[in-house]
N, C-alpha and C. Protein backbone atom coordinates (compact mmCIF):
# COMPACT_ATOMS: atom_id res chain seq x y z
N MET A 1 90.80 -14.21 12.04
CA MET A 1 90.49 -12.79 12.07
C MET A 1 91.68 -12.08 12.70
N THR A 2 92.10 -11.03 12.07
CA THR A 2 93.24 -10.26 12.59
C THR A 2 92.77 -9.31 13.68
N LEU A 3 93.71 -8.84 14.45
CA LEU A 3 93.42 -7.89 15.52
C LEU A 3 92.82 -6.61 14.95
N GLU A 4 93.31 -6.20 13.79
CA GLU A 4 92.79 -4.99 13.16
C GLU A 4 91.32 -5.14 12.80
N LEU A 5 90.96 -6.30 12.23
CA LEU A 5 89.55 -6.54 11.90
C LEU A 5 88.70 -6.66 13.15
N LEU A 6 89.24 -7.31 14.15
CA LEU A 6 88.50 -7.47 15.40
C LEU A 6 88.17 -6.12 16.03
N GLU A 7 89.07 -5.16 15.88
CA GLU A 7 88.82 -3.83 16.42
C GLU A 7 87.66 -3.12 15.72
N THR A 8 87.34 -3.52 14.49
CA THR A 8 86.25 -2.88 13.75
C THR A 8 84.95 -3.67 13.85
N LEU A 9 84.95 -4.76 14.57
CA LEU A 9 83.77 -5.62 14.68
C LEU A 9 82.67 -4.96 15.50
N GLU A 10 81.50 -4.90 14.90
CA GLU A 10 80.30 -4.47 15.63
C GLU A 10 79.47 -5.72 15.85
N THR A 11 78.95 -5.90 17.05
CA THR A 11 78.16 -7.09 17.33
C THR A 11 77.07 -6.78 18.34
N THR A 12 75.92 -7.35 18.12
CA THR A 12 74.78 -7.23 19.03
C THR A 12 74.12 -8.59 19.13
N SER A 13 73.82 -9.02 20.35
CA SER A 13 73.14 -10.30 20.55
C SER A 13 71.89 -10.10 21.38
N LYS A 14 70.86 -10.87 21.06
CA LYS A 14 69.62 -10.84 21.83
C LYS A 14 69.11 -12.27 21.96
N ARG A 15 68.52 -12.57 23.13
CA ARG A 15 67.92 -13.88 23.36
C ARG A 15 66.41 -13.78 23.27
N TYR A 16 65.82 -14.85 22.74
CA TYR A 16 64.37 -14.89 22.57
C TYR A 16 63.84 -16.25 23.03
N SER A 17 62.72 -16.24 23.70
CA SER A 17 62.03 -17.48 24.03
C SER A 17 61.31 -17.96 22.77
N VAL A 18 61.22 -19.29 22.64
CA VAL A 18 60.51 -19.85 21.50
C VAL A 18 59.44 -20.81 21.99
N THR A 19 58.37 -20.91 21.24
CA THR A 19 57.29 -21.83 21.59
C THR A 19 57.71 -23.25 21.19
N PRO A 20 57.06 -24.26 21.72
CA PRO A 20 57.37 -25.63 21.31
C PRO A 20 57.21 -25.84 19.79
N ASP A 21 56.20 -25.23 19.19
CA ASP A 21 56.02 -25.35 17.74
C ASP A 21 57.17 -24.69 16.97
N GLN A 22 57.60 -23.53 17.44
CA GLN A 22 58.73 -22.86 16.80
C GLN A 22 60.00 -23.68 16.97
N ALA A 23 60.20 -24.25 18.15
CA ALA A 23 61.39 -25.06 18.41
C ALA A 23 61.44 -26.26 17.47
N ALA A 24 60.30 -26.87 17.22
CA ALA A 24 60.24 -28.02 16.32
C ALA A 24 60.66 -27.63 14.90
N GLU A 25 60.34 -26.41 14.49
CA GLU A 25 60.69 -25.94 13.15
C GLU A 25 62.19 -25.70 12.98
N LEU A 26 62.92 -25.55 14.09
CA LEU A 26 64.35 -25.25 14.02
C LEU A 26 65.18 -26.46 13.62
N LYS A 27 64.61 -27.64 13.73
CA LYS A 27 65.28 -28.88 13.32
C LYS A 27 66.59 -29.11 14.06
N THR A 28 66.58 -28.90 15.37
CA THR A 28 67.75 -29.19 16.20
C THR A 28 67.57 -30.55 16.87
N ASP A 29 68.67 -31.11 17.36
CA ASP A 29 68.60 -32.41 18.03
C ASP A 29 67.83 -32.34 19.34
N GLU A 30 67.99 -31.24 20.06
CA GLU A 30 67.29 -31.05 21.32
C GLU A 30 66.25 -29.95 21.16
N ALA A 31 65.17 -30.06 21.91
CA ALA A 31 64.14 -29.02 21.86
C ALA A 31 64.69 -27.74 22.49
N ALA A 32 64.67 -26.67 21.75
CA ALA A 32 65.17 -25.39 22.24
C ALA A 32 64.04 -24.61 22.90
N GLU A 33 64.35 -24.01 24.03
CA GLU A 33 63.39 -23.13 24.69
C GLU A 33 63.70 -21.67 24.38
N GLU A 34 64.90 -21.44 23.87
CA GLU A 34 65.29 -20.08 23.50
C GLU A 34 66.32 -20.14 22.39
N VAL A 35 66.45 -19.03 21.69
CA VAL A 35 67.49 -18.88 20.67
C VAL A 35 68.21 -17.55 20.93
N THR A 36 69.44 -17.50 20.50
CA THR A 36 70.21 -16.26 20.55
C THR A 36 70.52 -15.85 19.12
N ILE A 37 70.20 -14.62 18.80
CA ILE A 37 70.52 -14.08 17.48
C ILE A 37 71.66 -13.07 17.67
N THR A 38 72.72 -13.26 16.89
CA THR A 38 73.88 -12.36 16.96
C THR A 38 74.10 -11.74 15.60
N TRP A 39 73.98 -10.44 15.53
CA TRP A 39 74.24 -9.68 14.31
C TRP A 39 75.67 -9.19 14.37
N GLN A 40 76.41 -9.33 13.27
CA GLN A 40 77.81 -8.91 13.25
C GLN A 40 78.12 -8.14 11.97
N HIS A 41 79.07 -7.24 12.10
CA HIS A 41 79.55 -6.52 10.92
C HIS A 41 80.98 -6.09 11.15
N VAL A 42 81.82 -6.36 10.15
CA VAL A 42 83.21 -5.92 10.15
C VAL A 42 83.36 -4.98 8.97
N THR A 43 84.06 -3.88 9.16
CA THR A 43 84.27 -2.89 8.10
C THR A 43 84.69 -3.56 6.80
N ASP A 44 84.10 -3.12 5.71
CA ASP A 44 84.41 -3.60 4.36
C ASP A 44 84.03 -5.06 4.10
N ARG A 45 83.18 -5.63 4.93
CA ARG A 45 82.69 -6.99 4.71
C ARG A 45 81.18 -6.99 4.84
N PRO A 46 80.52 -7.94 4.22
CA PRO A 46 79.06 -7.99 4.35
C PRO A 46 78.67 -8.35 5.78
N PRO A 47 77.54 -7.85 6.25
CA PRO A 47 77.09 -8.20 7.60
C PRO A 47 76.70 -9.68 7.65
N SER A 48 76.74 -10.24 8.85
CA SER A 48 76.36 -11.63 9.02
C SER A 48 75.46 -11.77 10.24
N VAL A 49 74.79 -12.90 10.32
CA VAL A 49 73.95 -13.19 11.47
C VAL A 49 74.15 -14.65 11.85
N LEU A 50 74.20 -14.90 13.15
CA LEU A 50 74.36 -16.24 13.68
C LEU A 50 73.21 -16.50 14.64
N VAL A 51 72.54 -17.64 14.46
CA VAL A 51 71.46 -18.03 15.36
C VAL A 51 71.91 -19.31 16.05
N THR A 52 71.84 -19.31 17.38
CA THR A 52 72.25 -20.47 18.16
C THR A 52 71.18 -20.83 19.18
N ALA A 53 71.26 -22.07 19.65
CA ALA A 53 70.38 -22.55 20.72
C ALA A 53 71.26 -23.24 21.76
N PRO A 54 70.90 -23.13 23.04
CA PRO A 54 71.68 -23.80 24.08
C PRO A 54 71.68 -25.31 23.85
N ALA A 55 72.80 -25.94 24.21
CA ALA A 55 72.92 -27.39 24.07
C ALA A 55 73.71 -27.95 25.24
N GLY A 56 73.06 -28.70 26.06
CA GLY A 56 73.76 -29.33 27.18
C GLY A 56 73.88 -28.46 28.40
N GLU A 57 74.28 -29.11 29.47
CA GLU A 57 74.36 -28.43 30.76
C GLU A 57 75.59 -27.54 30.90
N GLU A 58 76.59 -27.73 30.04
CA GLU A 58 77.83 -26.95 30.15
C GLU A 58 77.71 -25.55 29.58
N GLY A 59 76.57 -25.23 28.99
CA GLY A 59 76.37 -23.89 28.46
C GLY A 59 76.81 -23.72 27.02
N TRP A 60 77.11 -24.80 26.31
CA TRP A 60 77.47 -24.72 24.90
C TRP A 60 76.25 -24.31 24.09
N ALA A 61 76.51 -23.83 22.90
CA ALA A 61 75.42 -23.46 21.98
C ALA A 61 75.71 -24.10 20.62
N VAL A 62 74.64 -24.48 19.93
CA VAL A 62 74.78 -25.05 18.59
C VAL A 62 74.18 -24.08 17.58
N PRO A 63 74.83 -23.93 16.43
CA PRO A 63 74.28 -23.05 15.40
C PRO A 63 73.02 -23.66 14.78
N ILE A 64 72.12 -22.79 14.38
CA ILE A 64 70.87 -23.21 13.75
C ILE A 64 70.88 -22.66 12.32
N PRO A 65 71.16 -23.51 11.34
CA PRO A 65 71.20 -23.01 9.96
C PRO A 65 69.82 -22.82 9.33
N HIS A 66 68.82 -23.55 9.82
CA HIS A 66 67.48 -23.47 9.24
C HIS A 66 66.80 -22.17 9.67
N ARG A 67 66.22 -21.45 8.73
CA ARG A 67 65.59 -20.16 9.02
C ARG A 67 64.12 -20.17 8.62
N PRO A 68 63.23 -20.65 9.51
CA PRO A 68 61.81 -20.59 9.19
C PRO A 68 61.35 -19.13 9.10
N PRO A 69 60.21 -18.87 8.47
CA PRO A 69 59.75 -17.49 8.26
C PRO A 69 59.66 -16.66 9.55
N TRP A 70 59.18 -17.25 10.65
CA TRP A 70 59.07 -16.47 11.89
C TRP A 70 60.44 -16.03 12.39
N LEU A 71 61.48 -16.84 12.15
CA LEU A 71 62.83 -16.47 12.59
C LEU A 71 63.41 -15.39 11.69
N MET A 72 63.19 -15.49 10.39
CA MET A 72 63.65 -14.43 9.47
C MET A 72 62.99 -13.10 9.80
N GLU A 73 61.72 -13.15 10.13
CA GLU A 73 61.01 -11.92 10.52
C GLU A 73 61.64 -11.31 11.77
N ARG A 74 61.97 -12.13 12.74
CA ARG A 74 62.59 -11.66 13.98
C ARG A 74 63.98 -11.08 13.70
N ILE A 75 64.74 -11.76 12.86
CA ILE A 75 66.09 -11.29 12.52
C ILE A 75 66.02 -9.91 11.90
N MET A 76 65.13 -9.71 10.94
CA MET A 76 65.04 -8.42 10.25
C MET A 76 64.39 -7.35 11.11
N LYS A 77 63.37 -7.71 11.87
CA LYS A 77 62.65 -6.74 12.69
C LYS A 77 63.53 -6.15 13.80
N ASP A 78 64.35 -7.00 14.42
CA ASP A 78 65.14 -6.56 15.56
C ASP A 78 66.58 -6.25 15.24
N ALA A 79 66.95 -6.29 13.97
CA ALA A 79 68.34 -6.02 13.58
C ALA A 79 68.72 -4.58 13.89
N PRO A 80 69.94 -4.39 14.35
CA PRO A 80 70.41 -3.01 14.59
C PRO A 80 70.53 -2.25 13.26
N ALA A 81 70.38 -0.95 13.33
CA ALA A 81 70.42 -0.11 12.12
C ALA A 81 71.73 -0.29 11.35
N TRP A 82 72.85 -0.40 12.05
CA TRP A 82 74.14 -0.54 11.37
C TRP A 82 74.21 -1.86 10.59
N TRP A 83 73.45 -2.89 11.01
CA TRP A 83 73.46 -4.18 10.31
C TRP A 83 72.63 -4.12 9.05
N LEU A 84 71.58 -3.31 9.04
CA LEU A 84 70.67 -3.22 7.90
C LEU A 84 71.22 -2.40 6.74
N LYS A 85 72.29 -1.65 6.96
CA LYS A 85 72.84 -0.79 5.90
C LYS A 85 73.36 -1.60 4.74
């Protein structure tokens, strides 16, 4: 990503607690107690969303590619207006 594109980046992140049943649906190696959803948009590019869960004691996060219905609902319900355009 170039500096020019980085200057146009809009990003919003929110953390959510998940139930044990929801965590099982995420299909991660470790049971997640929370997920972080990050909505991003760069001018002239399609918006994107990244969902991650904490992994390990060092504070790393792993991406979660699987999107169960409850997670898709959360992504769309809480998305910033600029991301929905």
